[in-house]
C-alpha atoms as a PDB file:
ATOM      1  CA  UNK A   1     111.075 119.870 100.489  1.00  0.00           C
ATOM      2  CA  UNK A   2     107.510 121.065 101.105  1.00  0.00           C
ATOM      3  CA  UNK A   3     104.292 119.129 100.681  1.00  0.00           C
ATOM      4  CA  UNK A   4     102.836 118.960  97.180  1.00  0.00           C
ATOM      5  CA  UNK A   5      99.104 118.298  97.143  1.00  0.00           C
ATOM      6  CA  UNK A   6      97.578 117.068  93.882  1.00  0.00           C
ATOM      7  CA  UNK A   7      93.846 117.676  93.854  1.00  0.00           C
ATOM      8  CA  UNK A   8      90.809 119.226  92.250  1.00  0.00           C
ATOM      9  CA  UNK A   9      88.959 121.851  94.306  1.00  0.00           C
ATOM     10  CA  UNK A  10      85.512 120.416  93.495  1.00  0.00           C
ATOM     11  CA  UNK A  11      86.337 116.848  94.536  1.00  0.00           C
ATOM     12  CA  UNK A  12      84.768 115.732  97.814  1.00  0.00           C
ATOM     13  CA  UNK A  13      87.719 113.542  98.762  1.00  0.00           C
ATOM     14  CA  UNK A  14      90.166 116.319  97.960  1.00  0.00           C
ATOM     15  CA  UNK A  15      88.159 118.638 100.196  1.00  0.00           C
ATOM     16  CA  UNK A  16      88.345 116.047 102.981  1.00  0.00           C
ATOM     17  CA  UNK A  17      92.147 116.177 102.906  1.00  0.00           C
ATOM     18  CA  UNK A  18      92.198 119.958 102.388  1.00  0.00           C
ATOM     19  CA  UNK A  19      90.240 120.415 105.613  1.00  0.00           C
ATOM     20  CA  UNK A  20      93.052 118.636 107.463  1.00  0.00           C
ATOM     21  CA  UNK A  21      95.680 120.860 105.846  1.00  0.00           C
ATOM     22  CA  UNK A  22      93.721 124.026 106.590  1.00  0.00           C
ATOM     23  CA  UNK A  23      92.823 123.070 110.169  1.00  0.00           C
ATOM     24  CA  UNK A  24      96.471 123.241 111.235  1.00  0.00           C
ATOM     25  CA  UNK A  25      97.697 125.800 108.676  1.00  0.00           C
ATOM     26  CA  UNK A  26     100.057 123.199 107.243  1.00  0.00           C
ATOM     27  CA  UNK A  27     102.184 124.745 104.451  1.00  0.00           C
ATOM     28  CA  UNK A  28     101.811 123.059 101.059  1.00  0.00           C
ATOM     29  CA  UNK A  29     101.931 123.645  97.341  1.00  0.00           C
ATOM     30  CA  UNK A  30      98.527 123.159  95.731  1.00  0.00           C
ATOM     31  CA  UNK A  31      98.947 121.259  92.446  1.00  0.00           C
ATOM     32  CA  UNK A  32      95.492 121.828  91.004  1.00  0.00           C
ATOM     33  CA  UNK A  33      94.343 119.525  88.237  1.00  0.00           C
ATOM     34  CA  UNK A  34      93.008 122.619  86.503  1.00  0.00           C
ATOM     35  CA  UNK A  35      96.652 123.536  85.786  1.00  0.00           C
ATOM     36  CA  UNK A  36      97.986 122.190  82.463  1.00  0.00           C
ATOM     37  CA  UNK A  37     100.381 119.271  82.886  1.00  0.00           C
ATOM     38  CA  UNK A  38      99.420 118.457  86.468  1.00  0.00           C
ATOM     39  CA  UNK A  39      97.100 115.652  85.384  1.00  0.00           C
ATOM     40  CA  UNK A  40      99.929 113.909  83.554  1.00  0.00           C
ATOM     41  CA  UNK A  41     102.161 114.265  86.602  1.00  0.00           C
ATOM     42  CA  UNK A  42      99.466 112.791  88.821  1.00  0.00           C
ATOM     43  CA  UNK A  43      99.049 109.841  86.447  1.00  0.00           C
ATOM     44  CA  UNK A  44     102.724 109.029  86.894  1.00  0.00           C
ATOM     45  CA  UNK A  45     102.321 109.072  90.667  1.00  0.00           C
ATOM     46  CA  UNK A  46      99.184 106.964  90.974  1.00  0.00           C
ATOM     47  CA  UNK A  47      98.510 103.730  89.099  1.00  0.00           C
ATOM     48  CA  UNK A  48      94.751 104.365  89.435  1.00  0.00           C
ATOM     49  CA  UNK A  49      95.086 108.010  88.347  1.00  0.00           C
ATOM     50  CA  UNK A  50      92.967 109.035  91.335  1.00  0.00           C
ATOM     51  CA  UNK A  51      93.264 112.069  93.576  1.00  0.00           C
ATOM     52  CA  UNK A  52      94.029 113.517  96.094  1.00  0.00           C
ATOM     53  CA  UNK A  53      97.714 112.681  96.338  1.00  0.00           C
ATOM     54  CA  UNK A  54     100.235 114.074  98.793  1.00  0.00           C
ATOM     55  CA  UNK A  55     103.949 114.024  97.983  1.00  0.00           C
ATOM     56  CA  UNK A  56     106.686 114.901 100.456  1.00  0.00           C
ATOM     57  CA  UNK A  57     110.382 114.010 100.533  1.00  0.00           C
ATOM     58  CA  UNK A  58     109.984 111.453  97.776  1.00  0.00           C
ATOM     59  CA  UNK A  59     107.072 109.718  99.506  1.00  0.00           C
ATOM     60  CA  UNK A  60     103.669 109.475  97.835  1.00  0.00           C
ATOM     61  CA  UNK A  61     100.476 109.094  99.877  1.00  0.00           C
ATOM     62  CA  UNK A  62      97.106 108.584  98.240  1.00  0.00           C
ATOM     63  CA  UNK A  63      93.563 108.133  99.612  1.00  0.00           C
ATOM     64  CA  UNK A  64      92.169 111.022 101.649  1.00  0.00           C
ATOM     65  CA  UNK A  65      91.981 109.134 104.944  1.00  0.00           C
ATOM     66  CA  UNK A  66      95.609 108.073 104.666  1.00  0.00           C
ATOM     67  CA  UNK A  67      96.590 111.664 103.929  1.00  0.00           C
ATOM     68  CA  UNK A  68      94.836 112.886 107.082  1.00  0.00           C
ATOM     69  CA  UNK A  69      96.595 110.145 109.071  1.00  0.00           C
ATOM     70  CA  UNK A  70      99.952 111.106 107.516  1.00  0.00           C
ATOM     71  CA  UNK A  71      99.472 114.764 108.427  1.00  0.00           C
ATOM     72  CA  UNK A  72      98.580 113.825 112.010  1.00  0.00           C
ATOM     73  CA  UNK A  73     101.865 111.914 112.325  1.00  0.00           C
ATOM     74  CA  UNK A  74     104.263 114.119 110.366  1.00  0.00           C
ATOM     75  CA  UNK A  75     102.669 117.578 110.675  1.00  0.00           C
ATOM     76  CA  UNK A  76     100.778 117.635 113.971  1.00  0.00           C
ATOM     77  CA  UNK A  77      99.228 120.886 115.038  1.00  0.00           C
ATOM     78  CA  UNK A  78      96.867 122.292 117.632  1.00  0.00           C
ATOM     79  CA  UNK A  79      93.906 120.379 116.147  1.00  0.00           C
ATOM     80  CA  UNK A  80      94.459 116.655 116.779  1.00  0.00           C
ATOM     81  CA  UNK A  81      92.413 115.177 113.954  1.00  0.00           C
ATOM     82  CA  UNK A  82      93.313 111.685 115.165  1.00  0.00           C
ATOM     83  CA  UNK A  83      92.373 111.759 118.868  1.00  0.00           C
ATOM     84  CA  UNK A  84      95.176 110.934 121.273  1.00  0.00           C
ATOM     85  CA  UNK A  85      92.927 108.682 123.334  1.00  0.00           C
ATOM     86  CA  UNK A  86      92.968 105.239 121.623  1.00  0.00           C
ATOM     87  CA  UNK A  87      89.251 104.587 122.099  1.00  0.00           C
ATOM     88  CA  UNK A  88      88.353 108.033 120.787  1.00  0.00           C
ATOM     89  CA  UNK A  89      90.644 107.415 117.794  1.00  0.00           C
ATOM     90  CA  UNK A  90      88.797 104.169 117.049  1.00  0.00           C
ATOM     91  CA  UNK A  91      85.489 106.035 117.113  1.00  0.00           C
ATOM     92  CA  UNK A  92      86.799 108.745 114.790  1.00  0.00           C
ATOM     93  CA  UNK A  93      88.092 106.146 112.330  1.00  0.00           C
ATOM     94  CA  UNK A  94      84.792 104.237 112.484  1.00  0.00           C
ATOM     95  CA  UNK A  95      82.824 107.389 111.679  1.00  0.00           C
ATOM     96  CA  UNK A  96      85.271 108.235 108.899  1.00  0.00           C
ATOM     97  CA  UNK A  97      84.450 104.928 107.246  1.00  0.00           C
ATOM     98  CA  UNK A  98      80.734 105.476 107.848  1.00  0.00           C
ATOM     99  CA  UNK A  99      80.733 108.798 105.992  1.00  0.00           C
ATOM    100  CA  UNK A 100      82.829 107.463 103.115  1.00  0.00           C
ATOM    101  CA  UNK A 101      80.932 104.189 102.691  1.00  0.00           C
ATOM    102  CA  UNK A 102      77.347 105.054 103.589  1.00  0.00           C
ATOM    103  CA  UNK A 103      77.044 108.714 102.623  1.00  0.00           C
ATOM    104  CA  UNK A 104      79.622 109.547  99.966  1.00  0.00           C
ATOM    105  CA  UNK A 105      79.456 106.213  98.135  1.00  0.00           C
ATOM    106  CA  UNK A 106      75.671 106.219  97.596  1.00  0.00           C
ATOM    107  CA  UNK A 107      75.802 109.947  96.798  1.00  0.00           C
ATOM    108  CA  UNK A 108      78.367 109.146  94.122  1.00  0.00           C
ATOM    109  CA  UNK A 109      76.061 106.512  92.656  1.00  0.00           C
ATOM    110  CA  UNK A 110      73.543 109.235  91.753  1.00  0.00           C
ATOM    111  CA  UNK A 111      76.253 111.386  90.184  1.00  0.00           C
ATOM    112  CA  UNK A 112      77.998 108.680  88.185  1.00  0.00           C
ATOM    113  CA  UNK A 113      74.673 107.306  86.969  1.00  0.00           C
ATOM    114  CA  UNK A 114      73.725 110.753  85.666  1.00  0.00           C
ATOM    115  CA  UNK A 115      76.981 110.787  83.690  1.00  0.00           C
ATOM    116  CA  UNK A 116      76.192 107.521  81.919  1.00  0.00           C
ATOM    117  CA  UNK A 117      74.568 107.367  78.480  1.00  0.00           C
ATOM    118  CA  UNK A 118      70.768 107.144  78.736  1.00  0.00           C
ATOM    119  CA  UNK A 119      70.632 103.474  77.818  1.00  0.00           C
ATOM    120  CA  UNK A 120      73.333 102.449  80.274  1.00  0.00           C
ATOM    121  CA  UNK A 121      71.816 103.899  83.432  1.00  0.00           C
ATOM    122  CA  UNK A 122      71.013 101.866  86.512  1.00  0.00           C
ATOM    123  CA  UNK A 123      67.736 103.033  88.104  1.00  0.00           C
ATOM    124  CA  UNK A 124      67.642 100.066  90.478  1.00  0.00           C
ATOM    125  CA  UNK A 125      71.131 100.891  91.713  1.00  0.00           C
ATOM    126  CA  UNK A 126      70.097 104.516  92.239  1.00  0.00           C
ATOM    127  CA  UNK A 127      67.061 103.382  94.241  1.00  0.00           C
ATOM    128  CA  UNK A 128      69.366 101.276  96.421  1.00  0.00           C
ATOM    129  CA  UNK A 129      71.664 104.269  96.898  1.00  0.00           C
ATOM    130  CA  UNK A 130      68.691 106.444  97.877  1.00  0.00           C
ATOM    131  CA  UNK A 131      67.611 103.893 100.481  1.00  0.00           C
ATOM    132  CA  UNK A 132      71.149 103.733 101.885  1.00  0.00           C
ATOM    133  CA  UNK A 133      71.329 107.517 102.167  1.00  0.00           C
ATOM    134  CA  UNK A 134      67.982 107.657 103.947  1.00  0.00           C
ATOM    135  CA  UNK A 135      69.124 104.997 106.405  1.00  0.00           C
ATOM    136  CA  UNK A 136      72.408 106.829 106.984  1.00  0.00           C
ATOM    137  CA  UNK A 137      70.615 110.154 107.469  1.00  0.00           C
ATOM    138  CA  UNK A 138      68.279 108.692 110.103  1.00  0.00           C
ATOM    139  CA  UNK A 139      71.138 107.036 111.994  1.00  0.00           C
ATOM    140  CA  UNK A 140      73.216 110.203 111.936  1.00  0.00           C
ATOM    141  CA  UNK A 141      70.326 112.350 113.114  1.00  0.00           C
ATOM    142  CA  UNK A 142      69.955 110.153 116.193  1.00  0.00           C
ATOM    143  CA  UNK A 143      73.706 110.123 116.778  1.00  0.00           C
ATOM    144  CA  UNK A 144      74.081 113.887 116.558  1.00  0.00           C
ATOM    145  CA  UNK A 145      71.471 114.575 119.247  1.00  0.00           C
ATOM    146  CA  UNK A 146      73.335 116.571 121.891  1.00  0.00           C
ATOM    147  CA  UNK A 147      76.642 116.397 119.988  1.00  0.00           C
ATOM    148  CA  UNK A 148      78.639 119.152 118.348  1.00  0.00           C
ATOM    149  CA  UNK A 149      81.013 116.941 116.362  1.00  0.00           C
ATOM    150  CA  UNK A 150      80.691 113.400 115.054  1.00  0.00           C
ATOM    151  CA  UNK A 151      83.169 111.549 117.270  1.00  0.00           C
ATOM    152  CA  UNK A 152      83.315 113.334 120.582  1.00  0.00           C
ATOM    153  CA  UNK A 153      83.761 116.893 121.768  1.00  0.00           C
ATOM    154  CA  UNK A 154      86.559 117.842 119.344  1.00  0.00           C
ATOM    155  CA  UNK A 155      86.707 118.241 115.559  1.00  0.00           C
ATOM    156  CA  UNK A 156      88.394 115.146 114.085  1.00  0.00           C
ATOM    157  CA  UNK A 157      89.013 112.939 111.066  1.00  0.00           C
ATOM    158  CA  UNK A 158      85.338 111.979 111.253  1.00  0.00           C
ATOM    159  CA  UNK A 159      84.295 115.580 110.630  1.00  0.00           C
ATOM    160  CA  UNK A 160      86.799 115.939 107.777  1.00  0.00           C
ATOM    161  CA  UNK A 161      84.931 113.054 106.127  1.00  0.00           C
ATOM    162  CA  UNK A 162      81.487 114.306 107.125  1.00  0.00           C
ATOM    163  CA  UNK A 163      81.793 117.824 105.723  1.00  0.00           C
ATOM    164  CA  UNK A 164      82.058 117.105 101.975  1.00  0.00           C
ATOM    165  CA  UNK A 165      79.955 113.938 102.288  1.00  0.00           C
ATOM    166  CA  UNK A 166      76.958 115.736 103.735  1.00  0.00           C
ATOM    167  CA  UNK A 167      77.560 118.822 101.596  1.00  0.00           C
ATOM    168  CA  UNK A 168      77.165 116.942  98.319  1.00  0.00           C
ATOM    169  CA  UNK A 169      74.699 114.351  99.607  1.00  0.00           C
ATOM    170  CA  UNK A 170      72.243 117.096 100.559  1.00  0.00           C
ATOM    171  CA  UNK A 171      72.545 118.508  97.054  1.00  0.00           C
ATOM    172  CA  UNK A 172      71.847 115.054  95.632  1.00  0.00           C
ATOM    173  CA  UNK A 173      69.117 113.739  97.940  1.00  0.00           C
ATOM    174  CA  UNK A 174      68.162 116.493 100.400  1.00  0.00           C
ATOM    175  CA  UNK A 175      68.239 115.771 104.108  1.00  0.00           C
ATOM    176  CA  UNK A 176      64.599 115.809 105.305  1.00  0.00           C
ATOM    177  CA  UNK A 177      63.577 118.864 107.303  1.00  0.00           C
ATOM    178  CA  UNK A 178      62.525 116.764 110.290  1.00  0.00           C
ATOM    179  CA  UNK A 179      66.125 115.534 110.781  1.00  0.00           C
ATOM    180  CA  UNK A 180      67.010 118.698 112.636  1.00  0.00           C
ATOM    181  CA  UNK A 181      70.099 117.346 114.412  1.00  0.00           C
ATOM    182  CA  UNK A 182      71.710 116.314 111.146  1.00  0.00           C
ATOM    183  CA  UNK A 183      70.800 119.540 109.366  1.00  0.00           C
ATOM    184  CA  UNK A 184      72.272 121.568 112.218  1.00  0.00           C
ATOM    185  CA  UNK A 185      75.463 119.493 112.103  1.00  0.00           C
ATOM    186  CA  UNK A 186      75.803 120.101 108.359  1.00  0.00           C
ATOM    187  CA  UNK A 187      75.397 123.831 109.004  1.00  0.00           C
ATOM    188  CA  UNK A 188      78.139 123.736 111.669  1.00  0.00           C
ATOM    189  CA  UNK A 189      80.453 122.004 109.222  1.00  0.00           C
ATOM    190  CA  UNK A 190      79.785 124.667 106.585  1.00  0.00           C
ATOM    191  CA  UNK A 191      80.614 127.351 109.147  1.00  0.00           C
ATOM    192  CA  UNK A 192      83.933 125.734 110.082  1.00  0.00           C
ATOM    193  CA  UNK A 193      86.625 128.011 108.552  1.00  0.00           C
ATOM    194  CA  UNK A 194      88.639 125.122 107.077  1.00  0.00           C
ATOM    195  CA  UNK A 195      85.662 123.717 105.193  1.00  0.00           C
ATOM    196  CA  UNK A 196      84.244 127.116 104.312  1.00  0.00           C
ATOM    197  CA  UNK A 197      87.566 127.855 102.601  1.00  0.00           C
ATOM    198  CA  UNK A 198      87.414 124.595 100.619  1.00  0.00           C
ATOM    199  CA  UNK A 199      83.812 125.310  99.591  1.00  0.00           C
ATOM    200  CA  UNK A 200      84.698 128.821  98.435  1.00  0.00           C
ATOM    201  CA  UNK A 201      87.636 127.531  96.390  1.00  0.00           C
ATOM    202  CA  UNK A 202      85.287 125.119  94.634  1.00  0.00           C
ATOM    203  CA  UNK A 203      82.603 127.674  93.741  1.00  0.00           C
ATOM    204  CA  UNK A 204      83.915 128.365  90.208  1.00  0.00           C
ATOM    205  CA  UNK A 205      83.395 124.685  89.345  1.00  0.00           C
ATOM    206  CA  UNK A 206      79.782 124.206  90.411  1.00  0.00           C
ATOM    207  CA  UNK A 207      78.687 123.840  86.806  1.00  0.00           C
ATOM    208  CA  UNK A 208      80.566 120.519  86.841  1.00  0.00           C
ATOM    209  CA  UNK A 209      77.929 118.945  89.122  1.00  0.00           C
ATOM    210  CA  UNK A 210      76.017 116.566  86.822  1.00  0.00           C
ATOM    211  CA  UNK A 211      72.736 116.846  88.735  1.00  0.00           C
ATOM    212  CA  UNK A 212      72.802 120.642  88.741  1.00  0.00           C
ATOM    213  CA  UNK A 213      74.143 122.511  91.769  1.00  0.00           C
ATOM    214  CA  UNK A 214      71.429 124.167  93.878  1.00  0.00           C
ATOM    215  CA  UNK A 215      71.502 127.922  94.403  1.00  0.00           C
ATOM    216  CA  UNK A 216      72.557 127.709  98.053  1.00  0.00           C
ATOM    217  CA  UNK A 217      75.483 126.894 100.339  1.00  0.00           C
END
């Protein structure tokens, strides 16, 4: 039985897992939530009704990081997204959490706040999210000096997390021009074939972005 992958092309966390699938050309059936009936099937699989979800041989895996870890164990390929060296693996996992918690989470605060009714918005929370993004950007710019990828010389789980995080974060609160290391890293991620494919698949849904998608990328 082949992998079934329940996802929406425009979702950042779905893109994170898609990068892992595309990096190693792992065969799978894409169960897009744009297809009628797939949403109801996903709701039966996940108590939180969240995506992405991977299903294989009766086993259900949810959360993008766990999906990348599952693929590394059960469908390894030429790109070792979880480094074989234990210390390098720790670094990749640490950076994965950094991008999810300190880039994607505050970026999401802007988006979800924009979706709230006018009287229920949280400007203070958005200001806190902006400050967190600016702190994360500065730290990442320093880290990426002289580096090609986030956690060592090879593309890894950390970069799977970084690609959609920085993609949408820069739409939401643009990376300052003086942070040249970080901007160059984002450009390298966009040029990576696995992520470029995920970005192209999501293009028809850019009108969904509550803050208004910029005319770039």
